[in-house]
């Protein structure tokens, strides 16, 4: 099989689809390495680089995502934790603000506002 036949179809042999097609032919041993190097006028190192890139592309589904994705996940977990802490702190502050307001109102008006423990607030039993 002649590589030049493919060069006629694809003038720019540096396009990734063409390179991968050449690597597939090379891997299937339909074309020899020497034939590819001579007809495409590339170095053996270029062919090795194409081969490595093709292999990485083909094996990508079998490897876990890069570490950046994991870092982003931990950052989102950290953000969720911080949001929860903020909500808890806001509840605590509201509770303290209500306590201060009730204390100030009891002092100023001199009447008890809070329910006394043991006294039910419901209607009397008949």
N, C-alpha and C. Protein backbone atom coordinates (compact mmCIF):
# COMPACT_ATOMS: atom_id res chain seq x y z
N UNK A 1 0.85 -1.18 0.00
CA UNK A 1 0.00 0.00 0.00
C UNK A 1 0.89 1.23 0.00
N UNK A 2 0.59 2.15 -0.85
CA UNK A 2 1.40 3.36 -0.98
C UNK A 2 0.79 4.49 -0.15
N UNK A 3 1.67 5.15 0.59
CA UNK A 3 1.24 6.29 1.41
C UNK A 3 0.95 7.48 0.52
N UNK A 4 1.65 7.58 -0.61
CA UNK A 4 1.48 8.72 -1.50
C UNK A 4 0.04 8.83 -1.98
N UNK A 5 -0.67 7.71 -2.04
CA UNK A 5 -2.07 7.73 -2.41
C UNK A 5 -2.88 8.59 -1.44
N UNK A 6 -2.52 8.54 -0.16
CA UNK A 6 -3.22 9.34 0.85
C UNK A 6 -2.77 10.79 0.82
N UNK A 7 -1.51 11.01 0.43
CA UNK A 7 -1.02 12.39 0.34
C UNK A 7 -1.79 13.14 -0.73
N UNK A 8 -2.11 12.47 -1.83
CA UNK A 8 -2.90 13.11 -2.87
C UNK A 8 -4.26 13.54 -2.34
N UNK A 9 -4.84 12.73 -1.47
CA UNK A 9 -6.15 13.07 -0.90
C UNK A 9 -6.05 14.19 0.12
N UNK A 10 -4.96 14.22 0.85
CA UNK A 10 -4.83 15.19 1.93
C UNK A 10 -3.49 15.91 1.78
N UNK A 11 -3.48 17.07 1.20
CA UNK A 11 -2.23 17.78 0.94
C UNK A 11 -1.54 18.17 2.24
N UNK A 12 -2.30 18.56 3.21
CA UNK A 12 -1.71 18.97 4.48
C UNK A 12 -1.64 17.76 5.39
N UNK A 13 -0.52 17.05 5.33
CA UNK A 13 -0.41 15.82 6.11
C UNK A 13 -0.21 16.11 7.59
N UNK A 14 -0.10 17.35 7.97
CA UNK A 14 0.06 17.68 9.39
C UNK A 14 -1.28 17.74 10.13
N UNK A 15 -2.37 17.63 9.41
CA UNK A 15 -3.69 17.62 10.06
C UNK A 15 -3.80 16.36 10.92
N UNK A 16 -4.36 16.50 12.10
CA UNK A 16 -4.37 15.39 13.06
C UNK A 16 -5.10 14.15 12.54
N UNK A 17 -6.20 14.33 11.80
CA UNK A 17 -6.93 13.17 11.29
C UNK A 17 -6.05 12.37 10.31
N UNK A 18 -5.31 13.08 9.47
CA UNK A 18 -4.42 12.40 8.52
C UNK A 18 -3.30 11.68 9.27
N UNK A 19 -2.70 12.36 10.27
CA UNK A 19 -1.62 11.73 11.04
C UNK A 19 -2.12 10.47 11.72
N UNK A 20 -3.31 10.53 12.32
CA UNK A 20 -3.84 9.37 13.02
C UNK A 20 -4.13 8.22 12.04
N UNK A 21 -4.58 8.58 10.86
CA UNK A 21 -4.82 7.54 9.86
C UNK A 21 -3.50 6.87 9.48
N UNK A 22 -2.44 7.66 9.33
CA UNK A 22 -1.12 7.09 9.02
C UNK A 22 -0.65 6.19 10.16
N UNK A 23 -0.86 6.61 11.39
CA UNK A 23 -0.45 5.80 12.54
C UNK A 23 -1.24 4.50 12.58
N UNK A 24 -2.53 4.57 12.27
CA UNK A 24 -3.33 3.34 12.23
C UNK A 24 -2.79 2.36 11.19
N UNK A 25 -2.45 2.89 10.02
CA UNK A 25 -1.88 2.03 8.98
C UNK A 25 -0.55 1.43 9.45
N UNK A 26 0.24 2.23 10.12
CA UNK A 26 1.54 1.77 10.62
C UNK A 26 1.34 0.70 11.70
N UNK A 27 0.41 0.93 12.62
CA UNK A 27 0.15 -0.02 13.70
C UNK A 27 -0.42 -1.34 13.18
N UNK A 28 -1.23 -1.27 12.14
CA UNK A 28 -1.79 -2.49 11.54
C UNK A 28 -0.78 -3.19 10.63
N UNK A 29 0.39 -2.58 10.49
CA UNK A 29 1.47 -3.10 9.65
C UNK A 29 1.06 -3.22 8.19
N UNK A 30 0.21 -2.33 7.75
CA UNK A 30 -0.14 -2.27 6.33
C UNK A 30 0.89 -1.44 5.58
N UNK A 31 1.60 -0.57 6.31
CA UNK A 31 2.63 0.27 5.74
C UNK A 31 3.83 0.20 6.67
N UNK A 32 5.01 0.12 6.12
CA UNK A 32 6.21 0.05 6.97
C UNK A 32 6.59 1.44 7.45
N UNK A 33 7.35 1.46 8.52
CA UNK A 33 7.81 2.74 9.07
C UNK A 33 8.68 3.47 8.05
N UNK A 34 9.56 2.73 7.40
CA UNK A 34 10.46 3.32 6.41
C UNK A 34 9.68 3.96 5.27
N UNK A 35 8.63 3.30 4.83
CA UNK A 35 7.82 3.82 3.72
C UNK A 35 7.15 5.13 4.13
N UNK A 36 6.62 5.19 5.33
CA UNK A 36 5.98 6.42 5.81
C UNK A 36 7.01 7.54 5.89
N UNK A 37 8.17 7.25 6.44
CA UNK A 37 9.20 8.27 6.62
C UNK A 37 9.67 8.83 5.28
N UNK A 38 9.86 7.94 4.30
CA UNK A 38 10.36 8.38 3.00
C UNK A 38 9.29 9.17 2.24
N UNK A 39 8.08 8.65 2.19
CA UNK A 39 7.05 9.29 1.36
C UNK A 39 6.51 10.58 1.97
N UNK A 40 6.48 10.66 3.30
CA UNK A 40 6.01 11.89 3.93
C UNK A 40 7.16 12.85 4.22
N UNK A 41 8.38 12.35 4.09
CA UNK A 41 9.58 13.15 4.34
C UNK A 41 9.56 13.72 5.76
N UNK A 42 9.36 12.84 6.72
CA UNK A 42 9.37 13.25 8.13
C UNK A 42 10.45 12.46 8.86
N UNK A 43 10.79 12.91 10.05
CA UNK A 43 11.81 12.22 10.84
C UNK A 43 11.18 11.07 11.63
N UNK A 44 11.99 10.10 12.04
CA UNK A 44 11.45 9.01 12.88
C UNK A 44 10.87 9.53 14.19
N UNK A 45 11.46 10.60 14.69
CA UNK A 45 10.96 11.20 15.93
C UNK A 45 9.54 11.74 15.75
N UNK A 46 9.27 12.34 14.60
CA UNK A 46 7.92 12.86 14.33
C UNK A 46 6.90 11.72 14.34
N UNK A 47 7.27 10.62 13.71
CA UNK A 47 6.36 9.47 13.67
C UNK A 47 6.12 8.93 15.08
N UNK A 48 7.15 8.89 15.91
CA UNK A 48 6.98 8.44 17.30
C UNK A 48 6.06 9.39 18.07
N UNK A 49 6.22 10.69 17.83
CA UNK A 49 5.35 11.68 18.49
C UNK A 49 3.91 11.48 18.06
N UNK A 50 3.68 11.27 16.78
CA UNK A 50 2.32 11.01 16.28
C UNK A 50 1.75 9.76 16.93
N UNK A 51 2.60 8.74 17.03
CA UNK A 51 2.17 7.46 17.60
C UNK A 51 1.78 7.64 19.07
N UNK A 52 2.59 8.37 19.83
CA UNK A 52 2.27 8.61 21.25
C UNK A 52 0.98 9.40 21.41
N UNK A 53 0.82 10.43 20.59
CA UNK A 53 -0.41 11.25 20.67
C UNK A 53 -1.63 10.40 20.34
N UNK A 54 -1.50 9.55 19.32
CA UNK A 54 -2.61 8.68 18.95
C UNK A 54 -2.94 7.71 20.08
N UNK A 55 -1.89 7.16 20.70
CA UNK A 55 -2.12 6.21 21.79
C UNK A 55 -2.82 6.89 22.97
N UNK A 56 -2.36 8.10 23.31
CA UNK A 56 -3.02 8.83 24.40
C UNK A 56 -4.48 9.11 24.08
N UNK A 57 -4.76 9.47 22.83
CA UNK A 57 -6.13 9.75 22.42
C UNK A 57 -6.99 8.50 22.53
N UNK A 58 -6.46 7.36 22.07
CA UNK A 58 -7.23 6.12 22.08
C UNK A 58 -7.45 5.59 23.50
N UNK A 59 -6.50 5.82 24.39
CA UNK A 59 -6.60 5.28 25.75
C UNK A 59 -7.25 6.25 26.74
N UNK A 60 -7.57 7.44 26.31
CA UNK A 60 -8.13 8.47 27.20
C UNK A 60 -9.36 8.00 27.97
N UNK A 61 -10.31 7.27 27.35
CA UNK A 61 -11.49 6.85 28.11
C UNK A 61 -11.19 5.90 29.27
N UNK A 62 -10.03 5.25 29.24
CA UNK A 62 -9.72 4.25 30.26
C UNK A 62 -8.96 4.83 31.45
N UNK A 63 -8.55 6.07 31.38
CA UNK A 63 -7.79 6.69 32.47
C UNK A 63 -8.68 7.67 33.22
N UNK A 64 -8.41 7.87 34.51
CA UNK A 64 -9.21 8.83 35.27
C UNK A 64 -8.96 10.25 34.78
N UNK A 65 -9.89 11.16 35.06
CA UNK A 65 -9.69 12.55 34.64
C UNK A 65 -8.46 13.14 35.32
N UNK A 66 -7.91 14.20 34.77
CA UNK A 66 -6.71 14.79 35.35
C UNK A 66 -6.94 15.31 36.76
N UNK A 67 -5.86 15.57 37.48
CA UNK A 67 -5.95 15.99 38.87
C UNK A 67 -6.67 17.32 39.03
N UNK A 68 -6.69 18.15 38.01
CA UNK A 68 -7.37 19.43 38.10
C UNK A 68 -8.85 19.23 38.41
N UNK A 69 -9.46 18.23 37.80
CA UNK A 69 -10.88 17.98 38.06
C UNK A 69 -11.08 17.59 39.52
N UNK A 70 -10.16 16.80 40.06
CA UNK A 70 -10.27 16.41 41.47
C UNK A 70 -10.11 17.61 42.38
N UNK A 71 -9.19 18.52 42.04
CA UNK A 71 -9.02 19.72 42.85
C UNK A 71 -10.27 20.57 42.81
N UNK A 72 -10.88 20.67 41.65
CA UNK A 72 -12.09 21.46 41.54
C UNK A 72 -13.20 20.85 42.38
N UNK A 73 -13.27 19.52 42.42
CA UNK A 73 -14.29 18.87 43.21
C UNK A 73 -14.08 19.19 44.69
N UNK A 74 -12.84 19.12 45.16
CA UNK A 74 -12.58 19.41 46.56
C UNK A 74 -12.88 20.88 46.86
N UNK A 75 -12.65 21.76 45.89
CA UNK A 75 -12.96 23.17 46.10
C UNK A 75 -14.48 23.36 46.20
N UNK A 76 -15.25 22.63 45.39
CA UNK A 76 -16.70 22.77 45.48
C UNK A 76 -17.20 22.20 46.81
N UNK A 77 -16.55 21.12 47.29
CA UNK A 77 -16.92 20.59 48.60
C UNK A 77 -16.60 21.61 49.68
N UNK A 78 -15.47 22.29 49.54
CA UNK A 78 -15.07 23.31 50.51
C UNK A 78 -16.06 24.47 50.48
N UNK A 79 -16.49 24.86 49.30
CA UNK A 79 -17.46 25.96 49.17
C UNK A 79 -18.78 25.56 49.83
N UNK A 80 -19.22 24.33 49.61
CA UNK A 80 -20.47 23.87 50.22
C UNK A 80 -20.36 23.87 51.75
N UNK A 81 -19.21 23.43 52.25
CA UNK A 81 -18.99 23.42 53.70
C UNK A 81 -19.00 24.84 54.25
N UNK A 82 -18.36 25.77 53.55
CA UNK A 82 -18.34 27.16 54.00
C UNK A 82 -19.75 27.77 53.96
N UNK A 83 -20.54 27.43 52.97
CA UNK A 83 -21.92 27.93 52.90
C UNK A 83 -22.74 27.41 54.08
N UNK A 84 -22.54 26.14 54.44
CA UNK A 84 -23.26 25.56 55.57
C UNK A 84 -22.85 26.25 56.87
N UNK A 85 -21.54 26.49 57.03
CA UNK A 85 -21.06 27.18 58.23
C UNK A 85 -21.62 28.59 58.30
N UNK A 86 -21.71 29.27 57.16
CA UNK A 86 -22.26 30.62 57.13
C UNK A 86 -23.73 30.61 57.55
N UNK A 87 -24.50 29.64 57.04
CA UNK A 87 -25.91 29.54 57.40
C UNK A 87 -26.07 29.27 58.90
N UNK A 88 -25.24 28.39 59.45
CA UNK A 88 -25.31 28.10 60.90
C UNK A 88 -24.97 29.34 61.72
N UNK A 89 -23.96 30.07 61.29
CA UNK A 89 -23.55 31.29 62.00
C UNK A 89 -24.66 32.34 61.94
N UNK A 90 -25.31 32.46 60.78
CA UNK A 90 -26.40 33.43 60.66
C UNK A 90 -27.57 33.06 61.57
N UNK A 91 -27.89 31.77 61.70
CA UNK A 91 -28.95 31.34 62.61
C UNK A 91 -28.60 31.69 64.05
N UNK A 92 -27.35 31.45 64.41
CA UNK A 92 -26.90 31.75 65.77
C UNK A 92 -26.97 33.25 66.04
N UNK A 93 -26.56 34.05 65.08
CA UNK A 93 -26.62 35.50 65.26
C UNK A 93 -28.06 35.99 65.37
N UNK A 94 -28.98 35.43 64.60
CA UNK A 94 -30.39 35.81 64.70
C UNK A 94 -30.94 35.46 66.08
N UNK A 95 -30.56 34.28 66.57
CA UNK A 95 -31.02 33.84 67.88
C UNK A 95 -30.50 34.79 68.97
N UNK A 96 -29.22 35.17 68.88
CA UNK A 96 -28.64 36.09 69.86
C UNK A 96 -29.27 37.46 69.76
N UNK A 97 -29.54 37.94 68.53
CA UNK A 97 -30.17 39.25 68.35
C UNK A 97 -31.58 39.25 68.96
N UNK A 98 -32.31 38.16 68.76
CA UNK A 98 -33.66 38.05 69.34
C UNK A 98 -33.59 38.05 70.86
N UNK A 99 -32.61 37.35 71.42
CA UNK A 99 -32.43 37.30 72.87
C UNK A 99 -32.14 38.70 73.43
N UNK A 100 -31.29 39.45 72.75
CA UNK A 100 -30.96 40.82 73.18
C UNK A 100 -32.19 41.72 73.11
N UNK A 101 -32.97 41.58 72.03
CA UNK A 101 -34.18 42.41 71.89
C UNK A 101 -35.19 42.09 72.99
N UNK A 102 -35.36 40.81 73.30
CA UNK A 102 -36.32 40.42 74.34
C UNK A 102 -35.85 40.95 75.69
N UNK A 103 -34.57 40.83 76.00
CA UNK A 103 -34.04 41.35 77.27
C UNK A 103 -34.25 42.86 77.37
N UNK A 104 -33.97 43.59 76.28
CA UNK A 104 -34.15 45.05 76.28
C UNK A 104 -35.62 45.41 76.47
N UNK A 105 -36.51 44.68 75.81
CA UNK A 105 -37.95 44.97 75.93
C UNK A 105 -38.44 44.67 77.35
N UNK A 106 -37.97 43.58 77.96
CA UNK A 106 -38.39 43.25 79.33
C UNK A 106 -37.92 44.31 80.32
N UNK A 107 -36.71 44.82 80.12
CA UNK A 107 -36.20 45.86 81.03
C UNK A 107 -36.98 47.16 80.84
N UNK A 108 -37.21 47.54 79.60
CA UNK A 108 -37.84 48.81 79.32
C UNK A 108 -39.32 48.81 79.71
N UNK A 109 -40.02 47.73 79.36
CA UNK A 109 -41.46 47.68 79.63
C UNK A 109 -41.78 47.08 81.00
N UNK A 110 -40.80 46.46 81.63
CA UNK A 110 -40.95 45.83 82.95
C UNK A 110 -42.08 44.80 82.97
N UNK A 111 -42.15 44.03 81.91
CA UNK A 111 -43.11 42.92 81.86
C UNK A 111 -42.38 41.68 81.35
N UNK A 112 -42.76 40.50 81.82
CA UNK A 112 -42.12 39.28 81.32
C UNK A 112 -42.66 38.93 79.92
N UNK A 113 -41.77 38.71 79.01
CA UNK A 113 -42.17 38.37 77.64
C UNK A 113 -42.02 36.87 77.40
N UNK A 114 -40.98 36.28 77.95
CA UNK A 114 -40.73 34.85 77.75
C UNK A 114 -41.73 34.03 78.55
N UNK A 115 -42.02 32.83 78.04
CA UNK A 115 -42.87 31.91 78.78
C UNK A 115 -42.09 31.34 79.95
N UNK A 116 -42.74 31.16 81.05
CA UNK A 116 -42.10 30.55 82.21
C UNK A 116 -42.08 29.04 82.00
N UNK A 117 -41.03 28.38 82.43
CA UNK A 117 -41.00 26.92 82.28
C UNK A 117 -42.08 26.26 83.11
N UNK A 118 -42.73 25.24 82.58
CA UNK A 118 -43.76 24.50 83.29
C UNK A 118 -45.16 25.05 83.06
N UNK A 119 -45.27 26.22 82.51
CA UNK A 119 -46.60 26.77 82.22
C UNK A 119 -46.91 26.54 80.75
N UNK A 120 -47.99 25.88 80.49
CA UNK A 120 -48.41 25.61 79.12
C UNK A 120 -49.05 26.85 78.52
N UNK A 121 -48.89 27.02 77.25
CA UNK A 121 -49.47 28.18 76.60
C UNK A 121 -50.77 27.84 75.92
N UNK A 122 -51.23 26.62 76.05
CA UNK A 122 -52.46 26.20 75.37
C UNK A 122 -53.71 26.61 76.13
N UNK A 123 -54.89 26.33 75.56
CA UNK A 123 -56.16 26.65 76.22
C UNK A 123 -56.37 25.75 77.44
N UNK A 124 -57.10 26.24 78.45
CA UNK A 124 -57.34 25.42 79.65
C UNK A 124 -58.23 24.22 79.33
N UNK A 125 -58.03 23.13 80.05
CA UNK A 125 -58.83 21.92 79.87
C UNK A 125 -60.21 22.11 80.48
N UNK A 126 -61.27 21.61 79.87
CA UNK A 126 -62.61 21.73 80.42
C UNK A 126 -63.16 20.43 80.85
